[in-house]
Protein backbone atom coordinates (compact mmCIF):
# COMPACT_ATOMS: atom_id res chain seq x y z
CA UNK A 1 0.00 0.00 0.00
CA UNK A 2 1.25 3.44 -0.86
CA UNK A 3 0.31 7.08 -0.98
CA UNK A 4 -2.17 6.50 -3.82
CA UNK A 5 -4.02 3.99 -1.62
CA UNK A 6 -4.02 6.54 1.18
CA UNK A 7 -5.42 9.23 -1.12
CA UNK A 8 -8.20 6.88 -2.25
CA UNK A 9 -9.08 5.88 1.31
CA UNK A 10 -9.17 9.51 2.44
CA UNK A 11 -11.44 10.38 -0.48
CA UNK A 12 -13.79 7.52 0.46
CA UNK A 13 -13.81 8.80 4.04
CA UNK A 14 -14.62 12.35 2.90
CA UNK A 15 -17.44 11.06 0.69
CA UNK A 16 -18.89 8.92 3.49
CA UNK A 17 -18.71 11.80 5.95
CA UNK A 18 -20.61 14.08 3.56
CA UNK A 19 -23.39 11.47 3.26
CA UNK A 20 -23.85 11.08 7.01
CA UNK A 21 -26.35 13.25 8.83
CA UNK A 22 -26.07 11.61 12.23
CA UNK A 23 -22.48 12.58 13.09
CA UNK A 24 -22.04 14.86 16.10
CA UNK A 25 -20.72 18.25 14.94
CA UNK A 26 -17.64 18.13 17.19
CA UNK A 27 -16.71 14.68 15.89
CA UNK A 28 -17.30 15.84 12.32
CA UNK A 29 -14.95 18.79 12.95
CA UNK A 30 -12.26 16.52 14.43
CA UNK A 31 -12.51 14.17 11.49
CA UNK A 32 -12.42 17.02 8.99
CA UNK A 33 -9.29 18.33 10.70
CA UNK A 34 -7.72 14.85 10.61
CA UNK A 35 -8.49 14.54 6.90
CA UNK A 36 -6.83 17.90 6.27
CA UNK A 37 -3.76 16.80 8.21
CA UNK A 38 -3.54 13.53 6.28
CA UNK A 39 -3.84 15.41 3.00
CA UNK A 40 -1.04 17.76 4.09
CA UNK A 41 1.18 14.77 4.82
CA UNK A 42 0.44 13.29 1.40
CA UNK A 43 1.56 16.57 -0.16
CA UNK A 44 5.33 16.48 -0.56
CA UNK A 45 5.58 20.18 0.30
CA UNK A 46 4.12 19.65 3.76
CA UNK A 47 6.06 20.84 6.79
CA UNK A 48 3.89 18.72 9.11
CA UNK A 49 5.57 16.21 11.42
CA UNK A 50 3.89 12.93 10.42
CA UNK A 51 5.01 10.66 13.24
CA UNK A 52 1.78 10.85 15.28
CA UNK A 53 -0.65 10.62 12.38
CA UNK A 54 -1.46 6.92 12.81
CA UNK A 55 -2.14 7.54 16.52
CA UNK A 56 -4.56 10.35 15.67
CA UNK A 57 -6.36 8.04 13.25
CA UNK A 58 -6.51 5.36 15.94
CA UNK A 59 -8.07 7.85 18.35
CA UNK A 60 -10.71 8.75 15.76
CA UNK A 61 -11.52 5.05 15.28
CA UNK A 62 -12.37 4.77 18.96
CA UNK A 63 -14.73 7.74 18.77
CA UNK A 64 -16.63 6.46 15.74
CA UNK A 65 -16.65 2.67 16.11
CA UNK A 66 -19.85 2.27 18.10
CA UNK A 67 -22.20 4.34 15.96
CA UNK A 68 -20.58 4.64 12.55
CA UNK A 69 -19.21 1.32 11.26
CA UNK A 70 -18.46 2.57 7.71
CA UNK A 71 -16.42 5.50 9.03
CA UNK A 72 -14.64 3.12 11.40
CA UNK A 73 -13.83 0.72 8.56
CA UNK A 74 -12.31 3.53 6.48
CA UNK A 75 -10.35 4.92 9.44
CA UNK A 76 -8.92 1.45 10.13
CA UNK A 77 -7.84 1.20 6.50
CA UNK A 78 -6.22 4.64 6.66
CA UNK A 79 -4.48 3.76 9.92
CA UNK A 80 -2.96 0.61 8.41
CA UNK A 81 -1.75 2.51 5.35
CA UNK A 82 -0.22 5.25 7.54
CA UNK A 83 1.58 2.67 9.64
CA UNK A 84 2.85 0.96 6.50
CA UNK A 85 4.12 4.29 5.17
CA UNK A 86 5.68 5.22 8.51
CA UNK A 87 3.49 8.27 9.04
């Protein structure tokens, strides 16, 4: 898995988030911020420190897993890709 897989997974996550009406606004904001951070790390011009990105994704998984299985599935996929890429 590489950066292209990560881009695809993030796009799927963004699309799923847009379709969901039942997400708490604060969780939606956190997830939107996480997506932005992931996208910045994909961009080669990013100055972001990527080492904690997989941990942030893991934290988001915990917040969504009970009520939003599709979001959780996508976050798990993103987490595995980030770990594989070392970010």
